[in-house]
Protein backbone atom coordinates (compact mmCIF):
# COMPACT_ATOMS: atom_id res chain seq x y z
CA UNK A 1 -0.46 0.43 -0.22
CA UNK A 2 1.17 3.70 -0.23
CA UNK A 3 1.04 7.05 1.60
CA UNK A 4 2.02 10.46 0.29
CA UNK A 5 3.07 12.24 3.71
CA UNK A 6 3.35 10.18 6.92
CA UNK A 7 3.68 13.17 9.14
CA UNK A 8 0.02 13.24 10.37
CA UNK A 9 -1.10 9.41 9.63
CA UNK A 10 -1.55 7.75 12.84
CA UNK A 11 -3.12 4.18 13.73
CA UNK A 12 -2.26 2.18 10.87
CA UNK A 13 -3.73 -1.24 10.58
CA UNK A 14 -4.44 -3.98 8.47
CA UNK A 15 -7.34 -6.10 8.21
CA UNK A 16 -9.43 -9.23 6.54
CA UNK A 17 -13.12 -9.70 6.67
CA UNK A 18 -16.27 -11.18 4.57
CA UNK A 19 -18.59 -8.09 6.35
CA UNK A 20 -17.54 -4.33 6.31
CA UNK A 21 -16.83 -3.56 9.59
CA UNK A 22 -18.87 -0.79 11.18
CA UNK A 23 -16.85 0.11 13.70
CA UNK A 24 -14.28 3.31 12.89
CA UNK A 25 -11.30 0.81 15.25
CA UNK A 26 -12.45 -2.05 12.66
CA UNK A 27 -12.94 -4.74 15.70
CA UNK A 28 -15.79 -5.90 13.36
CA UNK A 29 -13.73 -7.53 11.19
CA UNK A 30 -14.20 -11.21 11.27
CA UNK A 31 -10.88 -12.79 10.17
CA UNK A 32 -8.29 -10.77 11.39
CA UNK A 33 -7.31 -7.15 12.53
CA UNK A 34 -3.47 -6.34 12.44
CA UNK A 35 -1.50 -3.10 14.22
CA UNK A 36 1.10 -1.61 12.04
CA UNK A 37 4.19 0.23 13.13
CA UNK A 38 4.43 3.70 11.63
CA UNK A 39 7.76 4.03 12.33
CA UNK A 40 8.62 0.88 9.70
CA UNK A 41 6.44 2.78 7.09
CA UNK A 42 7.58 4.77 3.97
CA UNK A 43 6.00 7.74 2.31
CA UNK A 44 6.23 8.66 -1.31
CA UNK A 45 6.77 12.05 -0.46
CA UNK A 46 10.95 12.51 -1.14
CA UNK A 47 11.35 9.02 -1.99
CA UNK A 48 12.54 7.12 -5.28
CA UNK A 49 9.87 5.60 -7.58
CA UNK A 50 11.07 2.29 -6.49
CA UNK A 51 11.41 2.84 -2.58
CA UNK A 52 7.73 3.98 -1.32
CA UNK A 53 5.75 0.61 -1.67
CA UNK A 54 5.05 -0.37 1.77
CA UNK A 55 4.58 -4.70 1.62
CA UNK A 56 3.49 -5.80 4.59
CA UNK A 57 3.02 -9.71 5.44
CA UNK A 58 -0.08 -10.79 7.41
CA UNK A 59 0.69 -12.35 10.85
CA UNK A 60 -2.23 -14.82 10.44
CA UNK A 61 -2.42 -17.21 7.50
CA UNK A 62 -5.56 -17.11 5.66
CA UNK A 63 -6.75 -19.65 2.80
CA UNK A 64 -9.76 -18.16 0.54
CA UNK A 65 -12.62 -20.30 0.28
CA UNK A 66 -15.95 -19.69 -1.44
CA UNK A 67 -16.57 -16.45 0.52
CA UNK A 68 -15.52 -12.86 -0.91
CA UNK A 69 -13.46 -11.07 1.26
CA UNK A 70 -12.63 -7.77 2.00
CA UNK A 71 -8.65 -6.61 2.32
CA UNK A 72 -7.95 -3.09 3.33
CA UNK A 73 -6.21 -0.66 5.46
CA UNK A 74 -7.46 2.16 8.00
CA UNK A 75 -5.38 5.18 9.66
CA UNK A 76 -6.35 8.06 11.25
CA UNK A 77 -4.88 11.89 10.04
CA UNK A 78 -4.62 13.69 12.92
CA UNK A 79 -4.14 17.05 11.87
CA UNK A 80 -4.59 18.89 8.28
CA UNK A 81 -2.21 21.56 7.07
CA UNK A 82 -1.80 20.67 3.44
CA UNK A 83 -3.35 18.84 0.55
CA UNK A 84 -1.36 15.46 1.47
CA UNK A 85 -3.54 16.03 4.97
CA UNK A 86 -6.58 16.47 3.00
CA UNK A 87 -6.30 13.98 0.51
CA UNK A 88 -4.35 11.09 2.19
CA UNK A 89 -5.74 8.27 0.08
CA UNK A 90 -3.68 7.49 -3.40
CA UNK A 91 -5.78 5.96 -6.22
CA UNK A 92 -5.09 6.14 -9.63
CA UNK A 93 -6.79 5.19 -13.11
CA UNK A 94 -7.33 1.76 -13.21
CA UNK A 95 -5.17 -0.20 -15.55
CA UNK A 96 -5.69 -3.10 -17.52
CA UNK A 97 -3.84 -5.48 -15.59
CA UNK A 98 -5.51 -5.06 -12.21
CA UNK A 99 -8.24 -7.77 -10.81
CA UNK A 100 -10.85 -4.93 -8.96
CA UNK A 101 -13.94 -3.56 -9.45
CA UNK A 102 -14.21 0.14 -11.20
CA UNK A 103 -14.10 1.72 -7.58
CA UNK A 104 -13.14 1.67 -4.40
CA UNK A 105 -14.76 1.11 -0.68
CA UNK A 106 -14.41 4.36 1.74
CA UNK A 107 -15.37 5.28 5.29
CA UNK A 108 -14.14 8.67 5.18
CA UNK A 109 -14.67 10.61 9.03
CA UNK A 110 -17.76 12.80 8.45
CA UNK A 111 -19.50 9.41 6.98
CA UNK A 112 -21.80 7.67 8.58
CA UNK A 113 -20.90 4.42 6.55
CA UNK A 114 -19.04 2.84 3.51
CA UNK A 115 -19.66 3.86 0.36
CA UNK A 116 -18.75 2.50 -3.19
CA UNK A 117 -16.78 5.21 -5.62
CA UNK A 118 -17.45 4.63 -9.11
CA UNK A 119 -15.08 7.16 -10.45
CA UNK A 120 -13.81 4.64 -12.60
CA UNK A 121 -10.38 4.76 -9.89
CA UNK A 122 -9.15 2.14 -7.57
CA UNK A 123 -7.14 2.41 -4.63
CA UNK A 124 -3.40 2.13 -5.32
CA UNK A 125 -3.40 -1.25 -3.22
CA UNK A 126 -2.03 -4.61 -4.04
CA UNK A 127 -3.06 -7.88 -2.59
CA UNK A 128 -0.23 -10.37 -2.75
CA UNK A 129 -1.13 -13.90 -2.57
CA UNK A 130 0.39 -17.75 -2.91
CA UNK A 131 -0.57 -21.26 -3.07
CA UNK A 132 -0.27 -24.79 -4.64
CA UNK A 133 -3.49 -24.68 -6.39
CA UNK A 134 -3.81 -21.45 -8.08
CA UNK A 135 -5.05 -22.03 -11.69
CA UNK A 136 -2.66 -22.25 -14.76
CA UNK A 137 -5.35 -21.39 -17.82
CA UNK A 138 -8.42 -19.78 -16.61
CA UNK A 139 -10.23 -16.91 -18.24
CA UNK A 140 -13.62 -14.93 -17.04
CA UNK A 141 -15.80 -13.57 -19.06
CA UNK A 142 -18.72 -11.13 -17.90
CA UNK A 143 -22.09 -13.15 -17.33
CA UNK A 144 -23.97 -11.49 -19.13
CA UNK A 145 -24.42 -8.63 -21.86
CA UNK A 146 -26.84 -5.96 -23.06
CA UNK A 147 -29.24 -6.04 -25.84
CA UNK A 148 -27.04 -5.74 -29.06
CA UNK A 149 -28.82 -4.66 -32.30
CA UNK A 150 -28.01 -6.14 -35.20
CA UNK A 151 -29.33 -5.07 -38.80
CA UNK A 152 -30.71 -8.41 -40.60
CA UNK A 153 -28.01 -9.79 -42.88
CA UNK A 154 -25.21 -7.85 -41.00
CA UNK A 155 -22.57 -8.82 -38.81
CA UNK A 156 -22.07 -6.91 -35.42
CA UNK A 157 -19.09 -7.30 -33.42
CA UNK A 158 -19.90 -7.74 -29.44
CA UNK A 159 -16.96 -6.25 -27.86
CA UNK A 160 -16.62 -8.57 -24.30
CA UNK A 161 -13.79 -8.05 -21.63
CA UNK A 162 -11.79 -11.47 -20.67
CA UNK A 163 -9.92 -11.45 -17.61
CA UNK A 164 -7.22 -13.88 -16.47
CA UNK A 165 -7.19 -15.55 -13.39
CA UNK A 166 -4.64 -17.94 -14.45
CA UNK A 167 -1.01 -18.01 -14.11
CA UNK A 168 -0.15 -18.70 -17.66
CA UNK A 169 -1.98 -15.37 -18.73
CA UNK A 170 -3.77 -15.40 -22.00
CA UNK A 171 -2.21 -16.37 -25.53
CA UNK A 172 -4.91 -17.52 -27.02
CA UNK A 173 -8.53 -18.97 -26.55
CA UNK A 174 -11.31 -20.63 -28.34
CA UNK A 175 -14.98 -19.40 -28.11
CA UNK A 176 -18.15 -21.00 -29.29
CA UNK A 177 -21.20 -18.71 -29.90
CA UNK A 178 -24.97 -20.70 -29.77
CA UNK A 179 -28.60 -19.35 -30.26
CA UNK A 180 -30.79 -21.50 -28.36
CA UNK A 181 -28.38 -24.06 -27.66
CA UNK A 182 -27.58 -24.52 -31.28
CA UNK A 183 -24.03 -23.80 -32.82
CA UNK A 184 -23.47 -20.32 -34.96
CA UNK A 185 -19.69 -20.14 -34.36
CA UNK A 186 -16.84 -21.68 -33.36
CA UNK A 187 -13.12 -20.07 -33.36
CA UNK A 188 -9.86 -20.21 -31.86
CA UNK A 189 -8.53 -16.37 -31.26
CA UNK A 190 -4.23 -16.41 -30.94
CA UNK A 191 -3.13 -12.78 -29.39
CA UNK A 192 -0.52 -10.70 -31.15
CA UNK A 193 0.62 -9.49 -28.06
CA UNK A 194 0.09 -12.27 -25.26
CA UNK A 195 -1.45 -10.87 -21.70
CA UNK A 196 0.82 -12.31 -18.77
CA UNK A 197 -0.23 -13.62 -15.18
CA UNK A 198 -3.03 -12.91 -13.57
CA UNK A 199 -5.24 -9.99 -13.45
CA UNK A 200 -4.34 -8.91 -17.45
CA UNK A 201 -7.42 -8.13 -19.33
CA UNK A 202 -7.99 -8.28 -22.86
CA UNK A 203 -11.28 -6.98 -24.91
CA UNK A 204 -12.22 -8.95 -27.92
CA UNK A 205 -15.15 -8.14 -30.53
CA UNK A 206 -17.30 -11.28 -31.05
CA UNK A 207 -18.75 -11.45 -34.59
CA UNK A 208 -22.28 -11.84 -34.47
CA UNK A 209 -24.79 -12.34 -37.43
CA UNK A 210 -28.02 -14.02 -37.51
CA UNK A 211 -29.25 -13.91 -41.32
CA UNK A 212 -32.15 -12.82 -42.87
CA UNK A 213 -34.82 -13.30 -40.24
CA UNK A 214 -36.11 -10.16 -37.87
CA UNK A 215 -36.52 -11.29 -33.93
CA UNK A 216 -35.30 -12.19 -30.51
CA UNK A 217 -32.18 -14.38 -30.69
CA UNK A 218 -31.06 -15.11 -26.73
CA UNK A 219 -27.09 -15.83 -27.53
CA UNK A 220 -24.35 -17.68 -25.43
CA UNK A 221 -20.87 -17.05 -25.96
CA UNK A 222 -18.64 -19.39 -24.13
CA UNK A 223 -14.84 -19.62 -23.91
CA UNK A 224 -14.18 -23.36 -23.71
CA UNK A 225 -10.39 -23.36 -24.14
CA UNK A 226 -7.06 -21.19 -22.99
CA UNK A 227 -4.06 -21.56 -24.24
CA UNK A 228 -5.05 -24.79 -25.80
CA UNK A 229 -6.06 -26.60 -22.56
CA UNK A 230 -9.86 -26.92 -21.57
CA UNK A 231 -10.61 -23.06 -19.49
CA UNK A 232 -10.20 -24.12 -15.80
CA UNK A 233 -12.88 -20.82 -14.94
CA UNK A 234 -16.28 -21.41 -13.88
CA UNK A 235 -17.17 -17.92 -14.98
CA UNK A 236 -16.76 -19.01 -18.87
CA UNK A 237 -20.09 -17.93 -20.08
CA UNK A 238 -21.45 -14.66 -21.30
CA UNK A 239 -25.68 -14.69 -22.10
CA UNK A 240 -27.61 -11.97 -23.70
CA UNK A 241 -30.10 -11.13 -26.57
CA UNK A 242 -29.15 -10.52 -30.02
CA UNK A 243 -32.05 -8.20 -31.62
CA UNK A 244 -32.21 -8.40 -35.49
CA UNK A 245 -33.97 -6.07 -37.02
CA UNK A 246 -35.59 -5.66 -40.29
CA UNK A 247 -33.92 -2.18 -40.83
CA UNK A 248 -32.82 0.54 -38.47
CA UNK A 249 -35.52 2.74 -36.54
CA UNK A 250 -34.47 6.20 -37.48
CA UNK A 251 -32.68 8.13 -34.73
CA UNK A 252 -33.11 11.13 -32.35
CA UNK A 253 -30.45 11.65 -29.66
CA UNK A 254 -31.54 12.52 -26.60
CA UNK A 255 -29.59 15.36 -24.43
CA UNK A 256 -30.15 15.43 -21.27
CA UNK A 257 -28.37 18.96 -20.35
CA UNK A 258 -27.97 19.17 -16.41
CA UNK A 259 -28.03 22.92 -15.21
CA UNK A 260 -28.76 26.13 -12.50
CA UNK A 261 -28.53 29.06 -11.75
CA UNK A 262 -25.98 28.70 -9.18
CA UNK A 263 -23.96 26.92 -12.37
CA UNK A 264 -21.09 29.35 -13.22
CA UNK A 265 -20.31 27.94 -16.52
CA UNK A 266 -23.72 28.08 -17.55
CA UNK A 267 -22.86 29.70 -20.95
CA UNK A 268 -21.53 26.74 -22.14
CA UNK A 269 -25.19 24.72 -21.69
CA UNK A 270 -26.49 27.62 -23.48
CA UNK A 271 -24.12 27.86 -26.33
CA UNK A 272 -24.09 24.01 -27.05
CA UNK A 273 -28.15 24.01 -27.25
CA UNK A 274 -28.27 26.89 -29.53
CA UNK A 275 -25.41 25.01 -31.61
CA UNK A 276 -26.70 21.46 -31.73
CA UNK A 277 -30.08 22.71 -32.87
CA UNK A 278 -28.36 24.69 -35.72
CA UNK A 279 -26.87 21.82 -36.71
CA UNK A 280 -28.76 18.41 -36.10
CA UNK A 281 -32.30 20.11 -35.85
CA UNK A 282 -35.18 17.67 -35.08
CA UNK A 283 -32.38 14.91 -35.15
CA UNK A 284 -31.18 16.03 -31.64
CA UNK A 285 -34.21 16.30 -28.81
CA UNK A 286 -32.74 18.48 -25.44
CA UNK A 287 -34.36 18.72 -22.01
CA UNK A 288 -32.89 21.26 -19.66
CA UNK A 289 -33.13 19.88 -16.02
CA UNK A 290 -32.64 22.88 -13.38
CA UNK A 291 -31.18 21.65 -9.98
CA UNK A 292 -30.56 23.01 -6.55
CA UNK A 293 -32.69 24.56 -3.52
CA UNK A 294 -31.98 28.14 -4.81
CA UNK A 295 -32.62 27.52 -8.19
CA UNK A 296 -36.24 28.96 -9.20
CA UNK A 297 -36.74 26.00 -12.05
CA UNK A 298 -36.21 23.06 -10.49
CA UNK A 299 -38.61 20.03 -11.27
CA UNK A 300 -39.77 17.83 -8.13
CA UNK A 301 -39.83 14.63 -10.20
CA UNK A 302 -36.53 15.36 -12.41
CA UNK A 303 -34.32 16.66 -8.95
CA UNK A 304 -34.99 12.92 -8.18
CA UNK A 305 -33.49 11.46 -10.86
CA UNK A 306 -30.63 13.77 -10.39
CA UNK A 307 -30.29 12.84 -7.09
CA UNK A 308 -30.66 9.10 -7.96
CA UNK A 309 -27.84 9.54 -10.84
CA UNK A 310 -25.51 11.13 -8.18
CA UNK A 311 -25.27 13.92 -10.74
CA UNK A 312 -23.01 16.68 -8.81
CA UNK A 313 -21.69 19.04 -11.29
CA UNK A 314 -22.97 21.86 -13.38
CA UNK A 315 -23.42 22.08 -16.24
CA UNK A 316 -23.44 18.84 -17.35
CA UNK A 317 -25.04 16.51 -20.05
CA UNK A 318 -25.57 12.89 -20.66
CA UNK A 319 -26.08 11.72 -24.90
CA UNK A 320 -28.76 8.98 -24.56
CA UNK A 321 -28.27 7.88 -20.96
CA UNK A 322 -24.79 5.90 -22.68
CA UNK A 323 -22.60 8.39 -22.99
CA UNK A 324 -22.21 9.79 -19.36
CA UNK A 325 -21.29 13.47 -17.76
CA UNK A 326 -20.06 15.09 -20.96
CA UNK A 327 -19.46 18.49 -20.24
CA UNK A 328 -21.28 21.30 -22.51
CA UNK A 329 -19.70 22.59 -25.62
CA UNK A 330 -16.34 21.46 -24.80
CA UNK A 331 -17.50 17.48 -24.64
CA UNK A 332 -14.41 14.68 -24.07
CA UNK A 333 -11.86 16.65 -25.49
CA UNK A 334 -9.02 17.71 -23.39
CA UNK A 335 -6.60 19.56 -25.96
CA UNK A 336 -4.99 22.68 -24.51
CA UNK A 337 -7.13 25.53 -26.71
CA UNK A 338 -10.87 26.25 -26.07
CA UNK A 339 -12.74 24.36 -29.28
CA UNK A 340 -16.60 23.63 -30.05
CA UNK A 341 -15.88 19.73 -30.08
CA UNK A 342 -19.30 18.32 -28.72
CA UNK A 343 -20.48 17.23 -31.85
CA UNK A 344 -17.35 14.58 -31.55
CA UNK A 345 -19.36 12.98 -28.50
CA UNK A 346 -23.21 13.65 -30.30
CA UNK A 347 -22.13 12.35 -33.65
CA UNK A 348 -20.66 8.98 -31.75
CA UNK A 349 -24.28 8.63 -30.08
CA UNK A 350 -26.03 8.92 -33.39
CA UNK A 351 -24.27 6.08 -34.99
CA UNK A 352 -25.94 4.15 -32.38
CA UNK A 353 -28.33 1.56 -33.83
CA UNK A 354 -32.41 2.06 -32.82
CA UNK A 355 -34.87 -0.76 -32.81
CA UNK A 356 -37.85 1.36 -32.95
CA UNK A 357 -39.18 4.48 -33.95
CA UNK A 358 -40.89 7.19 -31.48
CA UNK A 359 -43.47 9.33 -32.14
CA UNK A 360 -45.74 11.89 -29.80
CA UNK A 361 -48.09 14.54 -29.56
CA UNK A 362 -49.38 16.44 -27.38
CA UNK A 363 -52.85 18.56 -26.53
CA UNK A 364 -53.51 21.48 -23.81
CA UNK A 365 -57.08 20.61 -22.89
CA UNK A 366 -59.40 23.81 -23.08
CA UNK A 367 -59.55 24.79 -19.37
CA UNK A 368 -55.63 25.10 -19.37
CA UNK A 369 -55.44 22.30 -16.87
CA UNK A 370 -54.21 19.74 -18.43
CA UNK A 371 -51.91 18.52 -21.06
CA UNK A 372 -52.98 15.16 -22.49
CA UNK A 373 -49.75 13.69 -24.34
CA UNK A 374 -50.02 10.50 -26.29
CA UNK A 375 -46.89 8.26 -27.90
CA UNK A 376 -46.66 6.03 -30.76
CA UNK A 377 -44.02 3.64 -31.00
CA UNK A 378 -43.36 0.81 -34.12
CA UNK A 379 -40.44 -1.93 -33.52
CA UNK A 380 -38.63 -3.19 -36.32
CA UNK A 381 -38.58 -6.68 -34.95
CA UNK A 382 -41.06 -9.11 -33.65
CA UNK A 383 -40.55 -10.79 -30.21
CA UNK A 384 -40.80 -11.36 -26.85
CA UNK A 385 -38.99 -8.19 -24.97
CA UNK A 386 -40.29 -7.18 -21.19
CA UNK A 387 -37.53 -4.50 -20.79
CA UNK A 388 -38.91 -1.66 -22.60
CA UNK A 389 -40.47 1.05 -21.24
CA UNK A 390 -41.55 4.95 -21.83
CA UNK A 391 -41.08 8.02 -19.88
CA UNK A 392 -42.60 11.70 -20.36
CA UNK A 393 -41.39 14.96 -19.89
CA UNK A 394 -42.82 18.67 -20.39
CA UNK A 395 -40.43 21.37 -20.94
CA UNK A 396 -40.99 25.07 -21.20
CA UNK A 397 -39.36 27.82 -23.43
CA UNK A 398 -39.30 31.57 -22.51
CA UNK A 399 -39.25 31.18 -18.91
CA UNK A 400 -38.10 34.31 -17.39
CA UNK A 401 -38.08 36.57 -14.09
CA UNK A 402 -35.70 40.51 -13.39
CA UNK A 403 -35.30 38.60 -10.07
CA UNK A 404 -33.90 35.67 -11.25
CA UNK A 405 -29.64 35.81 -10.67
CA UNK A 406 -27.32 33.20 -12.89
CA UNK A 407 -24.20 33.25 -11.88
CA UNK A 408 -21.63 33.73 -14.70
CA UNK A 409 -17.43 32.91 -14.82
CA UNK A 410 -17.22 33.80 -18.60
CA UNK A 411 -16.78 37.51 -17.61
CA UNK A 412 -13.26 36.50 -17.00
CA UNK A 413 -12.45 35.66 -20.42
CA UNK A 414 -12.89 39.48 -21.29
CA UNK A 415 -10.06 40.70 -23.12
CA UNK A 416 -9.30 37.21 -25.01
CA UNK A 417 -10.91 37.60 -28.17
CA UNK A 418 -13.20 34.87 -27.37
CA UNK A 419 -16.13 36.25 -28.51
CA UNK A 420 -14.34 36.49 -32.33
CA UNK A 421 -14.03 32.71 -31.58
CA UNK A 422 -17.37 32.23 -30.71
CA UNK A 423 -19.86 35.34 -31.13
CA UNK A 424 -22.83 33.33 -29.17
CA UNK A 425 -20.15 33.70 -25.87
CA UNK A 426 -19.99 37.39 -26.06
CA UNK A 427 -22.92 38.47 -23.86
CA UNK A 428 -21.77 36.28 -21.39
CA UNK A 429 -17.95 37.71 -21.33
CA UNK A 430 -19.56 41.11 -21.65
CA UNK A 431 -21.49 40.89 -18.38
CA UNK A 432 -20.88 40.62 -15.05
CA UNK A 433 -20.46 37.44 -12.40
CA UNK A 434 -24.11 37.83 -11.42
CA UNK A 435 -26.72 38.02 -14.54
CA UNK A 436 -30.00 39.15 -14.79
CA UNK A 437 -32.45 39.13 -17.68
CA UNK A 438 -31.84 36.04 -18.97
CA UNK A 439 -34.56 33.95 -20.94
CA UNK A 440 -34.29 30.43 -20.30
CA UNK A 441 -35.64 27.23 -22.70
CA UNK A 442 -35.88 23.54 -22.60
CA UNK A 443 -36.95 23.69 -19.08
CA UNK A 444 -37.77 20.44 -17.55
CA UNK A 445 -41.36 21.51 -15.49
CA UNK A 446 -42.93 18.08 -15.19
CA UNK A 447 -41.87 14.28 -15.43
CA UNK A 448 -43.49 11.08 -15.43
CA UNK A 449 -41.38 7.83 -15.03
CA UNK A 450 -38.27 9.73 -15.83
CA UNK A 451 -35.66 7.06 -13.25
CA UNK A 452 -37.30 3.55 -14.13
CA UNK A 453 -39.66 3.95 -16.90
CA UNK A 454 -43.37 4.18 -16.88
CA UNK A 455 -44.72 0.08 -16.20
CA UNK A 456 -46.81 -1.48 -18.61
CA UNK A 457 -46.08 1.39 -21.09
CA UNK A 458 -44.72 -0.83 -23.81
CA UNK A 459 -46.17 -4.44 -24.41
CA UNK A 460 -43.77 -7.57 -23.92
CA UNK A 461 -45.13 -9.60 -27.22
CA UNK A 462 -43.77 -7.13 -29.96
CA UNK A 463 -44.70 -7.30 -33.47
CA UNK A 464 -43.22 -5.46 -36.66
CA UNK A 465 -46.36 -4.54 -37.87
CA UNK A 466 -48.06 -3.23 -34.99
CA UNK A 467 -47.84 0.56 -33.41
CA UNK A 468 -47.85 0.68 -29.50
CA UNK A 469 -49.96 3.59 -28.20
CA UNK A 470 -49.48 4.80 -25.05
CA UNK A 471 -51.24 7.65 -23.16
CA UNK A 472 -50.74 9.88 -19.99
CA UNK A 473 -51.84 13.31 -18.55
CA UNK A 474 -49.82 15.74 -16.48
CA UNK A 475 -52.29 17.56 -14.25
CA UNK A 476 -50.65 21.08 -14.70
CA UNK A 477 -52.13 22.41 -11.30
CA UNK A 478 -49.29 20.33 -9.83
CA UNK A 479 -46.76 22.53 -11.21
CA UNK A 480 -46.12 26.00 -10.24
CA UNK A 481 -43.14 26.83 -11.99
CA UNK A 482 -45.20 26.79 -14.95
CA UNK A 483 -45.75 30.40 -16.27
CA UNK A 484 -47.15 29.87 -19.28
CA UNK A 485 -49.17 26.82 -20.60
CA UNK A 486 -48.77 28.31 -24.89
CA UNK A 487 -45.03 27.55 -24.26
CA UNK A 488 -45.33 23.93 -23.15
CA UNK A 489 -43.43 21.19 -25.30
CA UNK A 490 -43.99 17.37 -24.98
CA UNK A 491 -41.51 14.38 -24.89
CA UNK A 492 -41.82 10.74 -25.03
CA UNK A 493 -38.54 8.71 -24.78
CA UNK A 494 -38.02 4.96 -25.09
CA UNK A 495 -35.59 2.98 -22.69
CA UNK A 496 -34.13 -0.01 -22.08
CA UNK A 497 -34.57 -0.75 -18.38
CA UNK A 498 -31.98 -3.09 -17.84
CA UNK A 499 -29.45 -0.94 -19.33
CA UNK A 500 -30.86 2.54 -18.54
CA UNK A 501 -30.17 3.71 -22.20
CA UNK A 502 -32.12 5.49 -24.17
CA UNK A 503 -33.56 3.52 -27.41
CA UNK A 504 -35.28 6.43 -29.39
CA UNK A 505 -37.25 9.80 -28.60
CA UNK A 506 -39.00 12.54 -29.65
CA UNK A 507 -40.67 15.76 -29.06
CA UNK A 508 -43.41 18.11 -30.05
CA UNK A 509 -45.17 21.11 -29.65
CA UNK A 510 -48.23 21.12 -26.80
CA UNK A 511 -50.87 22.24 -29.27
CA UNK A 512 -54.66 23.64 -28.45
CA UNK A 513 -55.89 20.97 -30.83
CA UNK A 514 -54.80 17.63 -31.88
CA UNK A 515 -51.58 18.26 -34.01
CA UNK A 516 -51.02 16.31 -37.36
CA UNK A 517 -48.59 13.17 -36.18
CA UNK A 518 -45.55 11.95 -38.10
CA UNK A 519 -44.98 8.69 -39.89
CA UNK A 520 -47.26 5.21 -39.33
CA UNK A 521 -50.48 7.07 -38.45
CA UNK A 522 -53.32 4.98 -38.80
CA UNK A 523 -56.76 6.57 -38.06
CA UNK A 524 -57.26 9.00 -40.83
CA UNK A 525 -59.93 9.50 -43.62
CA UNK A 526 -62.39 6.92 -43.81
CA UNK A 527 -60.07 4.23 -41.97
CA UNK A 528 -62.33 2.67 -39.35
CA UNK A 529 -62.36 0.46 -36.56
CA UNK A 530 -63.42 -2.52 -37.00
CA UNK A 531 -62.74 -4.92 -33.99
CA UNK A 532 -61.10 -4.33 -30.65
CA UNK A 533 -59.92 -6.97 -27.81
CA UNK A 534 -58.00 -7.53 -24.94
CA UNK A 535 -54.59 -9.24 -24.76
CA UNK A 536 -55.97 -12.12 -23.90
CA UNK A 537 -58.08 -12.52 -27.28
CA UNK A 538 -61.48 -11.32 -25.68
CA UNK A 539 -63.67 -9.22 -27.92
CA UNK A 540 -64.66 -5.96 -26.12
CA UNK A 541 -67.18 -3.24 -27.23
CA UNK A 542 -65.28 -0.31 -25.50
CA UNK A 543 -61.80 0.77 -24.56
CA UNK A 544 -60.75 -1.09 -20.95
CA UNK A 545 -57.78 -0.67 -18.70
CA UNK A 546 -55.03 -2.38 -19.70
CA UNK A 547 -53.35 -3.80 -23.04
CA UNK A 548 -56.35 -3.06 -26.39
CA UNK A 549 -55.84 -4.61 -29.87
CA UNK A 550 -57.48 -2.70 -32.61
CA UNK A 551 -57.91 -3.97 -36.10
CA UNK A 552 -58.84 -1.49 -38.37
CA UNK A 553 -60.68 -0.94 -42.06
CA UNK A 554 -57.29 -0.78 -43.91
CA UNK A 555 -55.56 -4.15 -42.28
CA UNK A 556 -53.69 -2.08 -39.44
CA UNK A 557 -53.49 -3.74 -36.25
CA UNK A 558 -52.54 -1.23 -32.88
CA UNK A 559 -51.56 -2.07 -29.58
CA UNK A 560 -52.60 0.80 -26.99
CA UNK A 561 -52.17 0.86 -23.12
CA UNK A 562 -54.86 2.75 -20.86
């Protein structure tokens, strides 16, 4: 293990346990707790790179059995004088050859319990093990993968990571791919550069092709051999569904713009939204979620979602709930200059295939108290899938109040000529640290199902020639932050409830009368409803609660959920 500076470090202990102790002296560890003599420890400060590793042997041997074991260390900081005292735990990026979760368990003095950090970094701590029965040729594969969409007659490579748990590492492996028990591919892969020893990781793109028939294909990928020998790992199979579509659905990328009047970088989100709309038009769907106890525009339900995902920094964005915490305007670009690179992240998201098209319409009631929203979803395959759901959002444009104060740090760029490179920044550069009179668009004022989707909104029985319809209503009296009911927009978002990713989305203006629908509308002109059934095949005369299957005179069949 590693310490940056030991001057204010005391009570160092190492321990092993099957249950994380709730006692701050670690006395609850059920295997062992061992005190460490501080005088025998080395600090990284003022040491050479090869001289600051503290390697400590447990006094009591422990044979690892079937139970998971926590191994860790604890200490007390007696005084805080500098940054080494403020951040005494050394963490690092997760390298490719480390056996660890992407995170570490911490318990700081001001916390009441353990929490797992998931920032993609790990403790710079190693656990060294020895034994006669360590496996030689053993490779794990993740036990499952999320839905992989594939266009018919097309090969898609599914990237999965292999982890070595054998002393011989990984030089070659044999895999078998099956669908419902039928073998569809078997190959031996030889690595150009072998992975050495235990803890190595290797990502391979497994080719998937299921021919010309759309549908759901339950798939298993098994690593049967490692280095020419039988794979000794018991975690050698990965299961998931390949969803083969007749043709890819038209995609609209869903952007969640997280912001606040207390976010001093607000200008980046503001300019980013303008540029995205100019470049991509209807192919981008944007909502702005305000957050914070002093912000005048937070939506209660969406604030719960923001808290659920642990969003801490504003402004920030998520793209399709797939690419997380992408800074607005700048994107993931980490170069020296301030340039507009968000489009690179957007284009990466836009390349992802969608298995369904989403349409939405919104209508304001005659008394202006209710917004009725209807979503239509058309899938490009047939099959049974129970992991799709819709959620809905209402936003308002043109929100403003002279008393609202927006924090702004762009004034610090005055004199650098940034406004010549990006004119949209000029109003913020020429303003003060606190701005008033701003107009806010796309502001979320209401939502339903934002966290997990609305249960039952999508039928698990999917047919390629059917349109699934779902309707919900917003009682506007429940949302006092609304300023102008004539400036509302409605959104329908289709998500995968397993991966939490957005599959597709759509938005529309909320109108006083029913707007004209887009593709796949069937109830126009002289088209009439012929028959209506429940999901169990019982014919009914009028709509009932639950799934209604409607047959129209033009041959179309629509599945609607009431």
